[in-house]
Amino acid sequence: MRRSMVFLACALLLGAAACSSQATSGSTSNTSTSTGNIGVSNSTPSRAILTFDWLGGNSTIIKVYPGAADTPADRVSNGAFANGQTATIVCKTLGRWVSSVPPEKAKRSNVWYEIQTGGKTYYATAVYGDVSGGPVQWCPGM
């Protein structure tokens, strides 16, 4: 399970081909890539992964945003993820409060996760995601 999460995190950052040997290795591996060496050790926590969760609602698409503040610009979605899709979490921050809506499971939070994929930064509310793979650090300034 841990090796799968390490492979997923690596694949999101570098692409699946650069990470294929890490998915089948033992407790520590070094994979050389054109961007340098990546060391993975079971003694250090893996990067946290956010798995998007639709909470049983009407849509399996979860919107993400350019920021977590309660401003008009940060309330305009700049992307979307499907239920079950994953992303590596960079850090967490506090922002506007979000509540799930019926018929979804009841959840409310002001915690947001910064995620980066495809060269873009997004913020995803903790309401529509489950965290696995290790602790999440606070974003700088928190």
Protein backbone atom coordinates (compact mmCIF):
# COMPACT_ATOMS: atom_id res chain seq x y z
CA MET A 1 0.00 0.00 0.00
CA ARG A 2 2.75 2.45 0.99
CA ARG A 3 4.71 1.67 -2.18
CA SER A 4 1.58 2.41 -4.23
CA MET A 5 1.21 5.81 -2.58
CA VAL A 6 4.90 6.59 -3.08
CA PHE A 7 4.58 5.65 -6.75
CA LEU A 8 1.47 7.83 -7.10
CA ALA A 9 3.17 10.82 -5.49
CA CYS A 10 6.25 10.34 -7.65
CA ALA A 11 4.16 9.86 -10.80
CA LEU A 12 2.27 13.09 -10.14
CA LEU A 13 5.54 14.99 -9.81
CA LEU A 14 7.74 13.33 -12.44
CA GLY A 15 5.60 11.07 -14.59
CA ALA A 16 5.01 7.34 -14.30
CA ALA A 17 8.02 6.25 -16.38
CA ALA A 18 10.49 8.01 -14.07
CA CYS A 19 8.99 6.31 -11.02
CA SER A 20 8.41 2.73 -12.12
CA SER A 21 11.36 1.25 -10.19
CA GLN A 22 10.22 2.92 -6.95
CA ALA A 23 6.90 1.11 -7.00
CA THR A 24 8.54 -2.32 -6.82
CA SER A 25 11.57 -1.56 -4.64
CA GLY A 26 12.25 -2.38 -0.99
CA SER A 27 12.44 0.00 1.94
CA THR A 28 14.75 2.51 0.26
CA SER A 29 15.32 3.32 -3.38
CA ASN A 30 17.04 5.95 -5.42
CA THR A 31 15.70 6.64 -8.88
CA SER A 32 17.83 8.75 -11.19
CA THR A 33 15.97 11.09 -13.47
CA SER A 34 16.93 14.01 -15.62
CA THR A 35 15.91 16.25 -12.71
CA GLY A 36 18.14 14.51 -10.13
CA ASN A 37 17.91 11.74 -7.57
CA ILE A 38 14.85 11.02 -5.49
CA GLY A 39 15.44 9.05 -2.30
CA VAL A 40 12.50 7.31 -0.66
CA SER A 41 12.80 5.80 2.80
CA ASN A 42 10.23 4.08 5.00
CA SER A 43 11.68 5.90 8.02
CA THR A 44 10.42 9.27 6.79
CA PRO A 45 6.73 10.07 6.36
CA SER A 46 5.47 9.98 2.81
CA ARG A 47 3.85 13.05 1.30
CA ALA A 48 0.19 13.31 2.11
CA ILE A 49 -2.31 12.42 -0.59
CA LEU A 50 -5.78 13.95 -0.95
CA THR A 51 -8.45 11.60 -2.29
CA PHE A 52 -11.46 13.55 -3.52
CA ASP A 53 -14.79 12.39 -2.05
CA TRP A 54 -18.19 13.37 -3.45
CA LEU A 55 -19.89 12.48 -0.10
CA GLY A 56 -22.70 10.70 -1.91
CA GLY A 57 -24.09 13.90 -3.42
CA ASN A 58 -25.57 14.73 -6.79
CA SER A 59 -22.27 15.31 -8.62
CA THR A 60 -19.10 13.22 -8.70
CA ILE A 61 -17.08 16.30 -9.69
CA ILE A 62 -15.35 18.33 -6.95
CA LYS A 63 -14.35 21.91 -7.78
CA VAL A 64 -11.01 23.41 -6.75
CA TYR A 65 -10.11 27.08 -6.48
CA PRO A 66 -7.20 29.51 -6.95
CA GLY A 67 -7.23 30.39 -3.24
CA ALA A 68 -8.96 29.77 0.06
CA ALA A 69 -9.88 33.35 1.02
CA ASP A 70 -13.43 34.65 1.13
CA THR A 71 -12.97 36.90 -1.91
CA PRO A 72 -14.82 36.96 -5.23
CA ALA A 73 -11.66 35.87 -7.11
CA ASP A 74 -11.08 32.85 -4.84
CA ARG A 75 -14.71 31.74 -5.20
CA VAL A 76 -14.38 31.18 -8.96
CA SER A 77 -13.36 27.58 -9.63
CA ASN A 78 -10.17 27.10 -11.65
CA GLY A 79 -10.37 23.31 -11.97
CA ALA A 80 -12.17 20.12 -10.99
CA PHE A 81 -11.35 16.59 -9.86
CA ALA A 82 -13.45 13.44 -10.09
CA ASN A 83 -14.60 11.42 -7.10
CA GLY A 84 -11.75 9.07 -6.14
CA GLN A 85 -9.09 11.06 -8.00
CA THR A 86 -5.98 11.87 -5.97
CA ALA A 87 -3.48 14.71 -5.68
CA THR A 88 -0.36 15.29 -3.61
CA ILE A 89 -0.87 17.87 -0.87
CA VAL A 90 1.74 20.63 -0.63
CA CYS A 91 0.45 22.14 2.64
CA LYS A 92 -2.72 23.16 4.47
CA THR A 93 -4.11 26.57 5.37
CA LEU A 94 -7.21 28.15 6.89
CA GLY A 95 -9.73 29.94 4.70
CA ARG A 96 -13.42 30.43 4.10
CA TRP A 97 -15.86 28.01 5.72
CA VAL A 98 -17.41 25.37 3.47
CA SER A 99 -20.34 23.10 4.32
CA SER A 100 -21.57 20.08 2.41
CA VAL A 101 -25.11 20.26 1.05
CA PRO A 102 -27.88 17.63 1.27
CA PRO A 103 -28.04 14.83 0.26
CA GLU A 104 -24.28 14.69 0.99
CA LYS A 105 -22.86 13.50 4.29
CA ALA A 106 -22.74 16.45 6.69
CA LYS A 107 -19.28 18.05 6.89
CA ARG A 108 -18.07 21.58 7.61
CA SER A 109 -14.51 22.93 7.60
CA ASN A 110 -12.34 25.98 7.02
CA VAL A 111 -9.22 23.88 6.30
CA TRP A 112 -7.95 23.99 2.72
CA TYR A 113 -5.22 21.93 1.04
CA GLU A 114 -2.84 23.43 -1.48
CA ILE A 115 -2.27 20.98 -4.31
CA GLN A 116 -0.17 21.35 -7.45
CA THR A 117 -0.57 19.39 -10.64
CA GLY A 118 0.19 20.13 -14.26
CA GLY A 119 2.13 23.26 -13.28
CA LYS A 120 -0.93 24.85 -11.64
CA THR A 121 -1.74 25.50 -7.98
CA TYR A 122 -5.19 24.73 -6.64
CA TYR A 123 -6.88 24.85 -3.25
CA ALA A 124 -9.25 22.06 -2.25
CA THR A 125 -11.53 22.20 0.78
CA ALA A 126 -11.13 19.51 3.42
CA VAL A 127 -14.90 18.93 3.19
CA TYR A 128 -14.59 17.01 -0.08
CA GLY A 129 -11.38 15.09 0.54
CA ASP A 130 -9.76 12.40 2.67
CA VAL A 131 -6.07 12.60 3.60
CA SER A 132 -3.72 9.62 3.70
CA GLY A 133 0.01 8.98 3.53
CA GLY A 134 1.35 11.15 6.31
CA PRO A 135 1.00 14.42 8.16
CA VAL A 136 0.18 17.64 6.35
CA GLN A 137 2.37 20.65 7.12
CA TRP A 138 0.91 24.13 7.50
CA CYS A 139 1.60 26.49 4.61
CA PRO A 140 4.21 29.19 5.26
CA GLY A 141 2.73 32.05 7.23
CA MET A 142 0.25 29.85 9.11
